[in-house]
PDB file of N, CA and C in Angstrom:
ATOM      1  N   MET A   1      -2.165  55.496 -67.919  1.00  0.00           N
ATOM      2  CA  MET A   1      -1.807  56.803 -67.434  1.00  0.00           C
ATOM      3  C   MET A   1      -0.302  56.867 -67.224  1.00  0.00           C
ATOM      4  N   ARG A   2       0.281  57.950 -67.592  1.00  0.00           N
ATOM      5  CA  ARG A   2       1.733  58.128 -67.456  1.00  0.00           C
ATOM      6  C   ARG A   2       2.054  58.787 -66.124  1.00  0.00           C
ATOM      7  N   ASN A   3       3.001  58.206 -65.397  1.00  0.00           N
ATOM      8  CA  ASN A   3       3.463  58.796 -64.149  1.00  0.00           C
ATOM      9  C   ASN A   3       4.440  59.915 -64.461  1.00  0.00           C
ATOM     10  N   GLU A   4       4.346  61.003 -63.710  1.00  0.00           N
ATOM     11  CA  GLU A   4       5.254  62.123 -63.915  1.00  0.00           C
ATOM     12  C   GLU A   4       6.697  61.663 -63.745  1.00  0.00           C
ATOM     13  N   GLY A   5       7.537  62.039 -64.700  1.00  0.00           N
ATOM     14  CA  GLY A   5       8.950  61.685 -64.634  1.00  0.00           C
ATOM     15  C   GLY A   5       9.281  60.316 -65.200  1.00  0.00           C
ATOM     16  N   LEU A   6       8.285  59.511 -65.536  1.00  0.00           N
ATOM     17  CA  LEU A   6       8.522  58.175 -66.082  1.00  0.00           C
ATOM     18  C   LEU A   6       8.429  58.229 -67.597  1.00  0.00           C
ATOM     19  N   ILE A   7       9.486  57.799 -68.269  1.00  0.00           N
ATOM     20  CA  ILE A   7       9.512  57.785 -69.732  1.00  0.00           C
ATOM     21  C   ILE A   7       9.306  56.356 -70.198  1.00  0.00           C
ATOM     22  N   LYS A   8       8.236  56.134 -70.951  1.00  0.00           N
ATOM     23  CA  LYS A   8       7.973  54.796 -71.481  1.00  0.00           C
ATOM     24  C   LYS A   8       8.812  54.607 -72.738  1.00  0.00           C
ATOM     25  N   ARG A   9       9.505  53.483 -72.823  1.00  0.00           N
ATOM     26  CA  ARG A   9      10.326  53.214 -73.990  1.00  0.00           C
ATOM     27  C   ARG A   9      10.327  51.723 -74.284  1.00  0.00           C
ATOM     28  N   ALA A  10      10.740  51.409 -75.493  1.00  0.00           N
ATOM     29  CA  ALA A  10      10.807  50.003 -75.913  1.00  0.00           C
ATOM     30  C   ALA A  10      11.826  49.265 -75.053  1.00  0.00           C
ATOM     31  N   PRO A  11      11.634  47.953 -74.867  1.00  0.00           N
ATOM     32  CA  PRO A  11      12.604  47.180 -74.076  1.00  0.00           C
ATOM     33  C   PRO A  11      14.004  47.283 -74.671  1.00  0.00           C
ATOM     34  N   ARG A  12      14.987  47.300 -73.806  1.00  0.00           N
ATOM     35  CA  ARG A  12      16.381  47.374 -74.249  1.00  0.00           C
ATOM     36  C   ARG A  12      17.014  45.992 -74.181  1.00  0.00           C
ATOM     37  N   PHE A  13      17.969  45.782 -75.064  1.00  0.00           N
ATOM     38  CA  PHE A  13      18.695  44.520 -75.101  1.00  0.00           C
ATOM     39  C   PHE A  13      20.144  44.780 -74.721  1.00  0.00           C
ATOM     40  N   ASP A  14      20.666  44.021 -73.767  1.00  0.00           N
ATOM     41  CA  ASP A  14      22.076  44.132 -73.407  1.00  0.00           C
ATOM     42  C   ASP A  14      22.915  43.547 -74.544  1.00  0.00           C
ATOM     43  N   VAL A  15      23.910  44.314 -74.985  1.00  0.00           N
ATOM     44  CA  VAL A  15      24.793  43.875 -76.072  1.00  0.00           C
ATOM     45  C   VAL A  15      26.223  44.293 -75.747  1.00  0.00           C
ATOM     46  N   GLU A  16      27.151  43.819 -76.502  1.00  0.00           N
ATOM     47  CA  GLU A  16      28.565  44.222 -76.424  1.00  0.00           C
ATOM     48  C   GLU A  16      29.070  44.393 -77.844  1.00  0.00           C
ATOM     49  N   TYR A  17      28.717  45.508 -78.473  1.00  0.00           N
ATOM     50  CA  TYR A  17      29.158  45.806 -79.826  1.00  0.00           C
ATOM     51  C   TYR A  17      30.293  46.822 -79.779  1.00  0.00           C
ATOM     52  N   GLN A  18      31.361  46.561 -80.495  1.00  0.00           N
ATOM     53  CA  GLN A  18      32.423  47.551 -80.687  1.00  0.00           C
ATOM     54  C   GLN A  18      32.112  48.287 -81.979  1.00  0.00           C
ATOM     55  N   GLY A  19      32.212  49.585 -81.937  1.00  0.00           N
ATOM     56  CA  GLY A  19      31.935  50.372 -83.136  1.00  0.00           C
ATOM     57  C   GLY A  19      32.600  51.726 -83.057  1.00  0.00           C
ATOM     58  N   THR A  20      32.140  52.642 -83.879  1.00  0.00           N
ATOM     59  CA  THR A  20      32.654  54.010 -83.874  1.00  0.00           C
ATOM     60  C   THR A  20      31.483  54.958 -84.077  1.00  0.00           C
ATOM     61  N   ILE A  21      31.706  56.202 -83.699  1.00  0.00           N
ATOM     62  CA  ILE A  21      30.789  57.256 -84.090  1.00  0.00           C
ATOM     63  C   ILE A  21      31.608  58.295 -84.847  1.00  0.00           C
ATOM     64  N   THR A  22      30.966  58.911 -85.813  1.00  0.00           N
ATOM     65  CA  THR A  22      31.583  59.996 -86.568  1.00  0.00           C
ATOM     66  C   THR A  22      30.684  61.212 -86.406  1.00  0.00           C
ATOM     67  N   ASP A  23      31.266  62.334 -85.965  1.00  0.00           N
ATOM     68  CA  ASP A  23      30.455  63.533 -85.764  1.00  0.00           C
ATOM     69  C   ASP A  23      30.393  64.370 -87.039  1.00  0.00           C
ATOM     70  N   GLU A  24      29.689  65.484 -86.953  1.00  0.00           N
ATOM     71  CA  GLU A  24      29.468  66.341 -88.133  1.00  0.00           C
ATOM     72  C   GLU A  24      30.755  66.945 -88.681  1.00  0.00           C
ATOM     73  N   GLU A  25      31.791  67.032 -87.855  1.00  0.00           N
ATOM     74  CA  GLU A  25      33.076  67.561 -88.305  1.00  0.00           C
ATOM     75  C   GLU A  25      33.972  66.480 -88.908  1.00  0.00           C
ATOM     76  N   GLY A  26      33.489  65.223 -88.921  1.00  0.00           N
ATOM     77  CA  GLY A  26      34.263  64.130 -89.483  1.00  0.00           C
ATOM     78  C   GLY A  26      35.181  63.442 -88.490  1.00  0.00           C
ATOM     79  N   ARG A  27      35.102  63.830 -87.218  1.00  0.00           N
ATOM     80  CA  ARG A  27      35.935  63.221 -86.179  1.00  0.00           C
ATOM     81  C   ARG A  27      35.334  61.880 -85.780  1.00  0.00           C
ATOM     82  N   THR A  28      36.166  60.839 -85.722  1.00  0.00           N
ATOM     83  CA  THR A  28      35.724  59.494 -85.383  1.00  0.00           C
ATOM     84  C   THR A  28      36.198  59.126 -83.987  1.00  0.00           C
ATOM     85  N   VAL A  29      35.286  58.532 -83.206  1.00  0.00           N
ATOM     86  CA  VAL A  29      35.574  58.131 -81.828  1.00  0.00           C
ATOM     87  C   VAL A  29      35.177  56.672 -81.669  1.00  0.00           C
ATOM     88  N   PRO A  30      36.071  55.815 -81.152  1.00  0.00           N
ATOM     89  CA  PRO A  30      35.688  54.428 -80.875  1.00  0.00           C
ATOM     90  C   PRO A  30      34.686  54.381 -79.723  1.00  0.00           C
ATOM     91  N   VAL A  31      33.675  53.528 -79.840  1.00  0.00           N
ATOM     92  CA  VAL A  31      32.667  53.368 -78.791  1.00  0.00           C
ATOM     93  C   VAL A  31      32.361  51.890 -78.584  1.00  0.00           C
ATOM     94  N   ARG A  32      31.763  51.616 -77.447  1.00  0.00           N
ATOM     95  CA  ARG A  32      31.204  50.293 -77.164  1.00  0.00           C
ATOM     96  C   ARG A  32      29.720  50.509 -76.879  1.00  0.00           C
ATOM     97  N   VAL A  33      28.856  49.795 -77.580  1.00  0.00           N
ATOM     98  CA  VAL A  33      27.420  49.862 -77.336  1.00  0.00           C
ATOM     99  C   VAL A  33      27.093  48.806 -76.289  1.00  0.00           C
ATOM    100  N   THR A  34      26.463  49.245 -75.191  1.00  0.00           N
ATOM    101  CA  THR A  34      26.189  48.322 -74.091  1.00  0.00           C
ATOM    102  C   THR A  34      24.726  47.920 -73.993  1.00  0.00           C
ATOM    103  N   ASP A  35      23.828  48.716 -74.573  1.00  0.00           N
ATOM    104  CA  ASP A  35      22.438  48.280 -74.742  1.00  0.00           C
ATOM    105  C   ASP A  35      21.828  49.013 -75.924  1.00  0.00           C
ATOM    106  N   ILE A  36      20.763  48.418 -76.455  1.00  0.00           N
ATOM    107  CA  ILE A  36      20.176  48.961 -77.682  1.00  0.00           C
ATOM    108  C   ILE A  36      18.700  48.612 -77.733  1.00  0.00           C
ATOM    109  N   ASN A  37      17.919  49.457 -78.375  1.00  0.00           N
ATOM    110  CA  ASN A  37      16.556  49.129 -78.765  1.00  0.00           C
ATOM    111  C   ASN A  37      16.299  49.819 -80.098  1.00  0.00           C
ATOM    112  N   LYS A  38      15.069  49.746 -80.593  1.00  0.00           N
ATOM    113  CA  LYS A  38      14.821  50.284 -81.930  1.00  0.00           C
ATOM    114  C   LYS A  38      14.953  51.802 -81.997  1.00  0.00           C
ATOM    115  N   SER A  39      14.879  52.495 -80.862  1.00  0.00           N
ATOM    116  CA  SER A  39      14.931  53.950 -80.917  1.00  0.00           C
ATOM    117  C   SER A  39      16.236  54.565 -80.419  1.00  0.00           C
ATOM    118  N   GLY A  40      17.132  53.760 -79.840  1.00  0.00           N
ATOM    119  CA  GLY A  40      18.388  54.343 -79.371  1.00  0.00           C
ATOM    120  C   GLY A  40      19.323  53.322 -78.754  1.00  0.00           C
ATOM    121  N   CYS A  41      20.433  53.827 -78.230  1.00  0.00           N
ATOM    122  CA  CYS A  41      21.424  52.939 -77.628  1.00  0.00           C
ATOM    123  C   CYS A  41      22.207  53.689 -76.553  1.00  0.00           C
ATOM    124  N   ARG A  42      22.871  52.902 -75.723  1.00  0.00           N
ATOM    125  CA  ARG A  42      23.777  53.441 -74.720  1.00  0.00           C
ATOM    126  C   ARG A  42      25.197  53.194 -75.207  1.00  0.00           C
ATOM    127  N   LEU A  43      26.003  54.249 -75.171  1.00  0.00           N
ATOM    128  CA  LEU A  43      27.378  54.194 -75.662  1.00  0.00           C
ATOM    129  C   LEU A  43      28.351  54.387 -74.512  1.00  0.00           C
ATOM    130  N   ARG A  44      29.515  53.792 -74.637  1.00  0.00           N
ATOM    131  CA  ARG A  44      30.615  54.039 -73.703  1.00  0.00           C
ATOM    132  C   ARG A  44      31.839  54.373 -74.543  1.00  0.00           C
ATOM    133  N   SER A  45      32.498  55.483 -74.192  1.00  0.00           N
ATOM    134  CA  SER A  45      33.698  55.898 -74.922  1.00  0.00           C
ATOM    135  C   SER A  45      34.719  56.457 -73.950  1.00  0.00           C
ATOM    136  N   ALA A  46      35.940  56.602 -74.408  1.00  0.00           N
ATOM    137  CA  ALA A  46      37.017  57.121 -73.565  1.00  0.00           C
ATOM    138  C   ALA A  46      36.891  58.621 -73.345  1.00  0.00           C
ATOM    139  N   GLU A  47      36.024  59.275 -74.119  1.00  0.00           N
ATOM    140  CA  GLU A  47      35.852  60.716 -73.951  1.00  0.00           C
ATOM    141  C   GLU A  47      34.381  61.066 -73.794  1.00  0.00           C
ATOM    142  N   THR A  48      34.113  62.201 -73.185  1.00  0.00           N
ATOM    143  CA  THR A  48      32.747  62.661 -72.989  1.00  0.00           C
ATOM    144  C   THR A  48      32.173  63.125 -74.324  1.00  0.00           C
ATOM    145  N   LEU A  49      30.980  62.631 -74.651  1.00  0.00           N
ATOM    146  CA  LEU A  49      30.317  62.999 -75.901  1.00  0.00           C
ATOM    147  C   LEU A  49      29.400  64.191 -75.653  1.00  0.00           C
ATOM    148  N   ALA A  50      29.362  65.134 -76.579  1.00  0.00           N
ATOM    149  CA  ALA A  50      28.606  66.369 -76.413  1.00  0.00           C
ATOM    150  C   ALA A  50      27.108  66.149 -76.646  1.00  0.00           C
ATOM    151  N   ILE A  51      26.301  66.572 -75.691  1.00  0.00           N
ATOM    152  CA  ILE A  51      24.848  66.480 -75.799  1.00  0.00           C
ATOM    153  C   ILE A  51      24.380  67.341 -76.975  1.00  0.00           C
ATOM    154  N   GLY A  52      23.466  66.782 -77.766  1.00  0.00           N
ATOM    155  CA  GLY A  52      22.911  67.496 -78.917  1.00  0.00           C
ATOM    156  C   GLY A  52      23.665  67.265 -80.211  1.00  0.00           C
ATOM    157  N   LYS A  53      24.848  66.686 -80.121  1.00  0.00           N
ATOM    158  CA  LYS A  53      25.674  66.447 -81.312  1.00  0.00           C
ATOM    159  C   LYS A  53      25.038  65.369 -82.177  1.00  0.00           C
ATOM    160  N   LYS A  54      24.959  65.628 -83.490  1.00  0.00           N
ATOM    161  CA  LYS A  54      24.484  64.615 -84.434  1.00  0.00           C
ATOM    162  C   LYS A  54      25.673  63.771 -84.852  1.00  0.00           C
ATOM    163  N   VAL A  55      25.476  62.445 -84.839  1.00  0.00           N
ATOM    164  CA  VAL A  55      26.561  61.514 -85.130  1.00  0.00           C
ATOM    165  C   VAL A  55      26.061  60.396 -86.038  1.00  0.00           C
ATOM    166  N   LEU A  56      27.010  59.705 -86.633  1.00  0.00           N
ATOM    167  CA  LEU A  56      26.738  58.485 -87.366  1.00  0.00           C
ATOM    168  C   LEU A  56      27.319  57.353 -86.537  1.00  0.00           C
ATOM    169  N   VAL A  57      26.442  56.480 -86.020  1.00  0.00           N
ATOM    170  CA  VAL A  57      26.881  55.325 -85.237  1.00  0.00           C
ATOM    171  C   VAL A  57      27.135  54.207 -86.231  1.00  0.00           C
ATOM    172  N   GLN A  58      28.371  53.682 -86.217  1.00  0.00           N
ATOM    173  CA  GLN A  58      28.760  52.633 -87.156  1.00  0.00           C
ATOM    174  C   GLN A  58      29.004  51.346 -86.381  1.00  0.00           C
ATOM    175  N   LEU A  59      28.135  50.351 -86.647  1.00  0.00           N
ATOM    176  CA  LEU A  59      28.196  49.080 -85.931  1.00  0.00           C
ATOM    177  C   LEU A  59      28.332  47.930 -86.912  1.00  0.00           C
ATOM    178  N   PRO A  60      29.244  46.982 -86.627  1.00  0.00           N
ATOM    179  CA  PRO A  60      29.456  45.865 -87.546  1.00  0.00           C
ATOM    180  C   PRO A  60      28.195  45.039 -87.801  1.00  0.00           C
ATOM    181  N   LYS A  61      27.345  44.861 -86.803  1.00  0.00           N
ATOM    182  CA  LYS A  61      26.168  44.005 -86.962  1.00  0.00           C
ATOM    183  C   LYS A  61      24.956  44.737 -87.516  1.00  0.00           C
ATOM    184  N   LEU A  62      24.941  46.071 -87.412  1.00  0.00           N
ATOM    185  CA  LEU A  62      23.756  46.826 -87.816  1.00  0.00           C
ATOM    186  C   LEU A  62      24.006  47.852 -88.904  1.00  0.00           C
ATOM    187  N   GLY A  63      25.255  48.117 -89.231  1.00  0.00           N
ATOM    188  CA  GLY A  63      25.559  49.113 -90.251  1.00  0.00           C
ATOM    189  C   GLY A  63      25.631  50.511 -89.668  1.00  0.00           C
ATOM    190  N   ASP A  64      25.339  51.505 -90.486  1.00  0.00           N
ATOM    191  CA  ASP A  64      25.429  52.908 -90.081  1.00  0.00           C
ATOM    192  C   ASP A  64      24.053  53.436 -89.704  1.00  0.00           C
ATOM    193  N   CYS A  65      23.978  54.123 -88.559  1.00  0.00           N
ATOM    194  CA  CYS A  65      22.716  54.658 -88.053  1.00  0.00           C
ATOM    195  C   CYS A  65      22.918  56.117 -87.655  1.00  0.00           C
ATOM    196  N   SER A  66      22.143  57.022 -88.239  1.00  0.00           N
ATOM    197  CA  SER A  66      22.192  58.428 -87.833  1.00  0.00           C
ATOM    198  C   SER A  66      21.535  58.558 -86.463  1.00  0.00           C
ATOM    199  N   ALA A  67      22.141  59.375 -85.601  1.00  0.00           N
ATOM    200  CA  ALA A  67      21.630  59.518 -84.235  1.00  0.00           C
ATOM    201  C   ALA A  67      22.009  60.881 -83.674  1.00  0.00           C
ATOM    202  N   GLN A  68      21.417  61.191 -82.520  1.00  0.00           N
ATOM    203  CA  GLN A  68      21.765  62.409 -81.789  1.00  0.00           C
ATOM    204  C   GLN A  68      22.063  62.020 -80.348  1.00  0.00           C
ATOM    205  N   ILE A  69      23.134  62.588 -79.795  1.00  0.00           N
ATOM    206  CA  ILE A  69      23.485  62.332 -78.403  1.00  0.00           C
ATOM    207  C   ILE A  69      22.471  63.078 -77.539  1.00  0.00           C
ATOM    208  N   ARG A  70      21.738  62.356 -76.684  1.00  0.00           N
ATOM    209  CA  ARG A  70      20.684  62.945 -75.870  1.00  0.00           C
ATOM    210  C   ARG A  70      21.110  63.189 -74.434  1.00  0.00           C
ATOM    211  N   TRP A  71      22.029  62.369 -73.933  1.00  0.00           N
ATOM    212  CA  TRP A  71      22.557  62.579 -72.588  1.00  0.00           C
ATOM    213  C   TRP A  71      23.981  62.079 -72.548  1.00  0.00           C
ATOM    214  N   SER A  72      24.753  62.612 -71.620  1.00  0.00           N
ATOM    215  CA  SER A  72      26.158  62.231 -71.509  1.00  0.00           C
ATOM    216  C   SER A  72      26.609  62.460 -70.076  1.00  0.00           C
ATOM    217  N   PHE A  73      27.307  61.468 -69.537  1.00  0.00           N
ATOM    218  CA  PHE A  73      27.824  61.565 -68.182  1.00  0.00           C
ATOM    219  C   PHE A  73      29.117  60.760 -68.113  1.00  0.00           C
ATOM    220  N   GLY A  74      30.247  61.444 -68.097  1.00  0.00           N
ATOM    221  CA  GLY A  74      31.540  60.751 -68.073  1.00  0.00           C
ATOM    222  C   GLY A  74      31.739  59.924 -69.327  1.00  0.00           C
ATOM    223  N   GLU A  75      32.003  58.621 -69.150  1.00  0.00           N
ATOM    224  CA  GLU A  75      32.236  57.721 -70.284  1.00  0.00           C
ATOM    225  C   GLU A  75      30.956  57.222 -70.934  1.00  0.00           C
ATOM    226  N   ASP A  76      29.807  57.424 -70.300  1.00  0.00           N
ATOM    227  CA  ASP A  76      28.537  56.900 -70.805  1.00  0.00           C
ATOM    228  C   ASP A  76      27.718  57.988 -71.479  1.00  0.00           C
ATOM    229  N   ALA A  77      26.978  57.581 -72.516  1.00  0.00           N
ATOM    230  CA  ALA A  77      26.099  58.516 -73.228  1.00  0.00           C
ATOM    231  C   ALA A  77      24.941  57.729 -73.831  1.00  0.00           C
ATOM    232  N   GLY A  78      23.861  58.441 -74.081  1.00  0.00           N
ATOM    233  CA  GLY A  78      22.699  57.854 -74.746  1.00  0.00           C
ATOM    234  C   GLY A  78      22.471  58.531 -76.071  1.00  0.00           C
ATOM    235  N   ALA A  79      22.212  57.729 -77.093  1.00  0.00           N
ATOM    236  CA  ALA A  79      21.965  58.259 -78.434  1.00  0.00           C
ATOM    237  C   ALA A  79      20.570  57.840 -78.878  1.00  0.00           C
ATOM    238  N   ALA A  80      19.828  58.768 -79.476  1.00  0.00           N
ATOM    239  CA  ALA A  80      18.521  58.480 -80.064  1.00  0.00           C
ATOM    240  C   ALA A  80      18.699  58.391 -81.572  1.00  0.00           C
ATOM    241  N   PHE A  81      18.246  57.283 -82.159  1.00  0.00           N
ATOM    242  CA  PHE A  81      18.352  57.107 -83.601  1.00  0.00           C
ATOM    243  C   PHE A  81      17.367  58.033 -84.324  1.00  0.00           C
ATOM    244  N   CYS A  82      17.779  58.570 -85.463  1.00  0.00           N
ATOM    245  CA  CYS A  82      16.911  59.446 -86.261  1.00  0.00           C
ATOM    246  C   CYS A  82      15.782  58.652 -86.914  1.00  0.00           C
ATOM    247  N   GLU A  83      16.061  57.420 -87.269  1.00  0.00           N
ATOM    248  CA  GLU A  83      15.061  56.495 -87.820  1.00  0.00           C
ATOM    249  C   GLU A  83      15.096  55.226 -86.975  1.00  0.00           C
ATOM    250  N   PRO A  84      13.928  54.685 -86.580  1.00  0.00           N
ATOM    251  CA  PRO A  84      13.934  53.467 -85.766  1.00  0.00           C
ATOM    252  C   PRO A  84      14.625  52.308 -86.489  1.00  0.00           C
ATOM    253  N   LEU A  85      15.363  51.511 -85.712  1.00  0.00           N
ATOM    254  CA  LEU A  85      15.994  50.315 -86.271  1.00  0.00           C
ATOM    255  C   LEU A  85      14.951  49.231 -86.473  1.00  0.00           C
ATOM    256  N   ASN A  86      15.201  48.358 -87.392  1.00  0.00           N
ATOM    257  CA  ASN A  86      14.311  47.235 -87.641  1.00  0.00           C
ATOM    258  C   ASN A  86      14.819  46.031 -86.843  1.00  0.00           C
ATOM    259  N   ILE A  87      14.563  46.068 -85.522  1.00  0.00           N
ATOM    260  CA  ILE A  87      14.914  44.943 -84.655  1.00  0.00           C
ATOM    261  C   ILE A  87      13.675  44.531 -83.877  1.00  0.00           C
ATOM    262  N   PRO A  88      13.576  43.261 -83.488  1.00  0.00           N
ATOM    263  CA  PRO A  88      12.392  42.805 -82.753  1.00  0.00           C
ATOM    264  C   PRO A  88      12.327  43.442 -81.365  1.00  0.00           C
ATOM    265  N   GLU A  89      11.116  43.550 -80.843  1.00  0.00           N
ATOM    266  CA  GLU A  89      10.953  44.128 -79.499  1.00  0.00           C
ATOM    267  C   GLU A  89      10.942  43.050 -78.451  1.00  0.00           C
TER     268      GLU A  89
END
């Protein structure tokens, strides 16, 4: 049974990946990925990322991943991948 307000998600892995995101207008922003799972990641950047924006997350260890910014608060943001990553749970 699901508790109200509780979102079940795959386990997250703490990481320290340096990468970039590129938005639909072609603007590139440096980011640091601080945790990741097969369905999304947490990003940290010097600027606030716009909720709902579709981006290409570019990571040296994982390649390019299409995603959408789902939440943003100051330097931190959460991105949901359009296609699940092939990483172990």
